[in-house]
Amino acid sequence: MTDPIADFLTRLRNAIQANHRVVEIPASNLKKDITKILFDQGYILNYKFVEDGPQGTIKIALKYDPQSKTSAIKSLTRVSRPGMRKYTGYREMPRVINGLGIAIISTSKGVMTNKAAAELKIGGEVLCYVY
């Protein structure tokens, strides 16, 4: 697998389209950080890191609206990819749907949202957009 973050986003996207409640994804430190951000921003219901085998897995409980049965995540878009990296400075920080969504940025201070990176005045690699 050449792009584990794209695989992570695709597994989430497929589980949402199939209306699954829980999805299991192979773990890595970067995927764990992205999962924590999705939980903190209210896009997923809960998560659990399971240490089984050499790599471990992440179990993510997806969040749905009880009345309309629609997911809290409308779109997951990979921005930077191995063939074409996208970097941004803190002055040119991307705004997703005019501030309603988030961009997940990998910075020198760790993985964070575009709003947190702009407050700290640091740029980095734009991993994905979520709304």
C-alpha atoms as a PDB file:
ATOM      1  CA  MET A   1       0.000   0.000   0.000  1.00  0.00           C
ATOM      2  CA  THR A   2       1.541   3.298  -1.040  1.00  0.00           C
ATOM      3  CA  ASP A   3      -0.908   5.697   0.617  1.00  0.00           C
ATOM      4  CA  PRO A   4      -2.207   4.547   4.019  1.00  0.00           C
ATOM      5  CA  ILE A   5      -4.086   7.808   4.686  1.00  0.00           C
ATOM      6  CA  ALA A   6      -6.075   7.438   1.468  1.00  0.00           C
ATOM      7  CA  ASP A   7      -6.855   3.851   2.516  1.00  0.00           C
ATOM      8  CA  PHE A   8      -8.033   5.140   5.931  1.00  0.00           C
ATOM      9  CA  LEU A   9     -10.332   7.720   4.321  1.00  0.00           C
ATOM     10  CA  THR A  10     -11.656   5.204   1.778  1.00  0.00           C
ATOM     11  CA  ARG A  11     -12.517   2.673   4.494  1.00  0.00           C
ATOM     12  CA  LEU A  12     -14.422   5.377   6.384  1.00  0.00           C
ATOM     13  CA  ARG A  13     -16.188   6.525   3.191  1.00  0.00           C
ATOM     14  CA  ASN A  14     -17.190   2.948   2.272  1.00  0.00           C
ATOM     15  CA  ALA A  15     -18.484   2.210   5.778  1.00  0.00           C
ATOM     16  CA  ILE A  16     -20.589   5.392   5.725  1.00  0.00           C
ATOM     17  CA  GLN A  17     -22.086   4.527   2.325  1.00  0.00           C
ATOM     18  CA  ALA A  18     -22.940   1.014   3.567  1.00  0.00           C
ATOM     19  CA  ASN A  19     -24.474   2.473   6.781  1.00  0.00           C
ATOM     20  CA  HIS A  20     -22.153   0.467   9.048  1.00  0.00           C
ATOM     21  CA  ARG A  21     -22.028   1.386  12.724  1.00  0.00           C
ATOM     22  CA  VAL A  22     -18.387   0.339  13.328  1.00  0.00           C
ATOM     23  CA  VAL A  23     -15.386   0.174  11.014  1.00  0.00           C
ATOM     24  CA  GLU A  24     -12.001  -1.447  11.724  1.00  0.00           C
ATOM     25  CA  ILE A  25      -8.866   0.098  10.254  1.00  0.00           C
ATOM     26  CA  PRO A  26      -5.196  -0.973  10.590  1.00  0.00           C
ATOM     27  CA  ALA A  27      -3.494   1.385  13.034  1.00  0.00           C
ATOM     28  CA  SER A  28      -0.558   3.762  12.727  1.00  0.00           C
ATOM     29  CA  ASN A  29       0.387   6.820  14.752  1.00  0.00           C
ATOM     30  CA  LEU A  30      -0.774   9.214  12.023  1.00  0.00           C
ATOM     31  CA  LYS A  31      -4.122   7.428  11.666  1.00  0.00           C
ATOM     32  CA  LYS A  32      -4.564   7.547  15.459  1.00  0.00           C
ATOM     33  CA  ASP A  33      -3.978  11.314  15.417  1.00  0.00           C
ATOM     34  CA  ILE A  34      -6.492  11.808  12.591  1.00  0.00           C
ATOM     35  CA  THR A  35      -9.034   9.663  14.481  1.00  0.00           C
ATOM     36  CA  LYS A  36      -8.590  11.777  17.631  1.00  0.00           C
ATOM     37  CA  ILE A  37      -9.196  14.955  15.619  1.00  0.00           C
ATOM     38  CA  LEU A  38     -12.348  13.494  14.024  1.00  0.00           C
ATOM     39  CA  PHE A  39     -13.633  12.587  17.514  1.00  0.00           C
ATOM     40  CA  ASP A  40     -12.767  15.985  19.033  1.00  0.00           C
ATOM     41  CA  GLN A  41     -14.511  17.807  16.176  1.00  0.00           C
ATOM     42  CA  GLY A  42     -17.650  15.651  16.546  1.00  0.00           C
ATOM     43  CA  TYR A  43     -17.492  13.746  13.247  1.00  0.00           C
ATOM     44  CA  ILE A  44     -17.369  10.275  14.842  1.00  0.00           C
ATOM     45  CA  LEU A  45     -19.176   8.861  17.868  1.00  0.00           C
ATOM     46  CA  ASN A  46     -16.297   7.015  19.539  1.00  0.00           C
ATOM     47  CA  TYR A  47     -13.057   5.151  18.857  1.00  0.00           C
ATOM     48  CA  LYS A  48     -10.933   2.451  20.430  1.00  0.00           C
ATOM     49  CA  PHE A  49      -7.330   1.459  19.810  1.00  0.00           C
ATOM     50  CA  VAL A  50      -6.932  -2.345  19.920  1.00  0.00           C
ATOM     51  CA  GLU A  51      -3.419  -3.736  20.317  1.00  0.00           C
ATOM     52  CA  ASP A  52      -3.590  -7.091  18.532  1.00  0.00           C
ATOM     53  CA  GLY A  53      -0.637  -8.334  16.562  1.00  0.00           C
ATOM     54  CA  PRO A  54       2.299  -6.188  15.503  1.00  0.00           C
ATOM     55  CA  GLN A  55       0.265  -3.294  14.092  1.00  0.00           C
ATOM     56  CA  GLY A  56      -3.016  -3.137  15.977  1.00  0.00           C
ATOM     57  CA  THR A  57      -6.352  -1.793  14.765  1.00  0.00           C
ATOM     58  CA  ILE A  58      -8.575   1.225  15.276  1.00  0.00           C
ATOM     59  CA  LYS A  59     -12.282   0.584  15.845  1.00  0.00           C
ATOM     60  CA  ILE A  60     -14.333   3.653  14.936  1.00  0.00           C
ATOM     61  CA  ALA A  61     -18.014   4.023  15.822  1.00  0.00           C
ATOM     62  CA  LEU A  62     -19.598   6.193  13.142  1.00  0.00           C
ATOM     63  CA  LYS A  63     -22.034   8.975  13.988  1.00  0.00           C
ATOM     64  CA  TYR A  64     -25.450   9.203  12.319  1.00  0.00           C
ATOM     65  CA  ASP A  65     -28.413  11.563  12.715  1.00  0.00           C
ATOM     66  CA  PRO A  66     -31.228   9.537  14.380  1.00  0.00           C
ATOM     67  CA  GLN A  67     -34.083  11.104  12.371  1.00  0.00           C
ATOM     68  CA  SER A  68     -32.681  11.320   8.848  1.00  0.00           C
ATOM     69  CA  LYS A  69     -30.130   8.451   9.153  1.00  0.00           C
ATOM     70  CA  THR A  70     -27.455  10.614   7.485  1.00  0.00           C
ATOM     71  CA  SER A  71     -23.836  10.535   8.556  1.00  0.00           C
ATOM     72  CA  ALA A  72     -22.112  13.372  10.403  1.00  0.00           C
ATOM     73  CA  ILE A  73     -19.365  13.135   7.767  1.00  0.00           C
ATOM     74  CA  LYS A  74     -20.598  14.402   4.416  1.00  0.00           C
ATOM     75  CA  SER A  75     -17.272  14.315   2.589  1.00  0.00           C
ATOM     76  CA  LEU A  76     -13.707  13.083   3.111  1.00  0.00           C
ATOM     77  CA  THR A  77     -11.263  14.394   0.520  1.00  0.00           C
ATOM     78  CA  ARG A  78      -7.556  13.540   0.326  1.00  0.00           C
ATOM     79  CA  VAL A  79      -5.533  16.630  -0.601  1.00  0.00           C
ATOM     80  CA  SER A  80      -1.830  15.869  -0.358  1.00  0.00           C
ATOM     81  CA  ARG A  81      -0.814  12.557  -1.848  1.00  0.00           C
ATOM     82  CA  PRO A  82       2.513  10.757  -2.352  1.00  0.00           C
ATOM     83  CA  GLY A  83       2.772  11.853  -5.983  1.00  0.00           C
ATOM     84  CA  MET A  84       1.955  15.501  -5.290  1.00  0.00           C
ATOM     85  CA  ARG A  85       2.397  16.943  -1.819  1.00  0.00           C
ATOM     86  CA  LYS A  86       0.448  20.091  -0.864  1.00  0.00           C
ATOM     87  CA  TYR A  87       1.951  22.413   1.719  1.00  0.00           C
ATOM     88  CA  THR A  88       0.582  25.644   3.125  1.00  0.00           C
ATOM     89  CA  GLY A  89       1.810  28.472   5.298  1.00  0.00           C
ATOM     90  CA  TYR A  90      -0.256  29.821   8.158  1.00  0.00           C
ATOM     91  CA  ARG A  91      -1.224  32.910   6.131  1.00  0.00           C
ATOM     92  CA  GLU A  92      -2.660  30.816   3.267  1.00  0.00           C
ATOM     93  CA  MET A  93      -4.448  28.287   5.512  1.00  0.00           C
ATOM     94  CA  PRO A  94      -7.303  26.602   3.575  1.00  0.00           C
ATOM     95  CA  ARG A  95     -10.917  27.227   4.615  1.00  0.00           C
ATOM     96  CA  VAL A  96     -13.237  24.293   4.037  1.00  0.00           C
ATOM     97  CA  ILE A  97     -16.812  25.334   3.138  1.00  0.00           C
ATOM     98  CA  ASN A  98     -16.130  28.856   4.391  1.00  0.00           C
ATOM     99  CA  GLY A  99     -15.126  27.633   7.857  1.00  0.00           C
ATOM    100  CA  LEU A 100     -17.843  25.009   8.389  1.00  0.00           C
ATOM    101  CA  GLY A 101     -15.547  22.053   7.657  1.00  0.00           C
ATOM    102  CA  ILE A 102     -11.987  21.302   8.755  1.00  0.00           C
ATOM    103  CA  ALA A 103      -8.693  20.682   7.037  1.00  0.00           C
ATOM    104  CA  ILE A 104      -6.342  18.264   8.813  1.00  0.00           C
ATOM    105  CA  ILE A 105      -2.762  19.542   8.698  1.00  0.00           C
ATOM    106  CA  SER A 106       0.451  17.689   9.542  1.00  0.00           C
ATOM    107  CA  THR A 107       2.780  20.255  11.144  1.00  0.00           C
ATOM    108  CA  SER A 108       6.066  20.229  13.005  1.00  0.00           C
ATOM    109  CA  LYS A 109       4.018  20.409  16.245  1.00  0.00           C
ATOM    110  CA  GLY A 110       1.911  17.363  15.310  1.00  0.00           C
ATOM    111  CA  VAL A 111      -1.313  16.701  13.432  1.00  0.00           C
ATOM    112  CA  MET A 112      -4.002  19.348  13.974  1.00  0.00           C
ATOM    113  CA  THR A 113      -6.880  21.215  12.343  1.00  0.00           C
ATOM    114  CA  ASN A 114      -6.394  24.240  10.126  1.00  0.00           C
ATOM    115  CA  LYS A 115      -7.836  26.525  12.845  1.00  0.00           C
ATOM    116  CA  ALA A 116      -5.388  25.284  15.498  1.00  0.00           C
ATOM    117  CA  ALA A 117      -2.451  25.624  13.084  1.00  0.00           C
ATOM    118  CA  ALA A 118      -3.479  29.192  12.192  1.00  0.00           C
ATOM    119  CA  GLU A 119      -3.657  30.113  15.895  1.00  0.00           C
ATOM    120  CA  LEU A 120      -0.152  28.724  16.469  1.00  0.00           C
ATOM    121  CA  LYS A 121       1.032  30.454  13.259  1.00  0.00           C
ATOM    122  CA  ILE A 122       2.560  27.305  11.751  1.00  0.00           C
ATOM    123  CA  GLY A 123       2.024  25.746   8.353  1.00  0.00           C
ATOM    124  CA  GLY A 124       2.423  22.212   7.126  1.00  0.00           C
ATOM    125  CA  GLU A 125       1.182  19.502   4.803  1.00  0.00           C
ATOM    126  CA  VAL A 126      -2.571  19.522   4.109  1.00  0.00           C
ATOM    127  CA  LEU A 127      -3.642  15.893   4.562  1.00  0.00           C
ATOM    128  CA  CYS A 128      -7.414  16.032   3.963  1.00  0.00           C
ATOM    129  CA  TYR A 129     -10.638  18.016   4.079  1.00  0.00           C
ATOM    130  CA  VAL A 130     -13.577  16.865   6.213  1.00  0.00           C
ATOM    131  CA  TYR A 131     -17.117  18.239   6.287  1.00  0.00           C
END
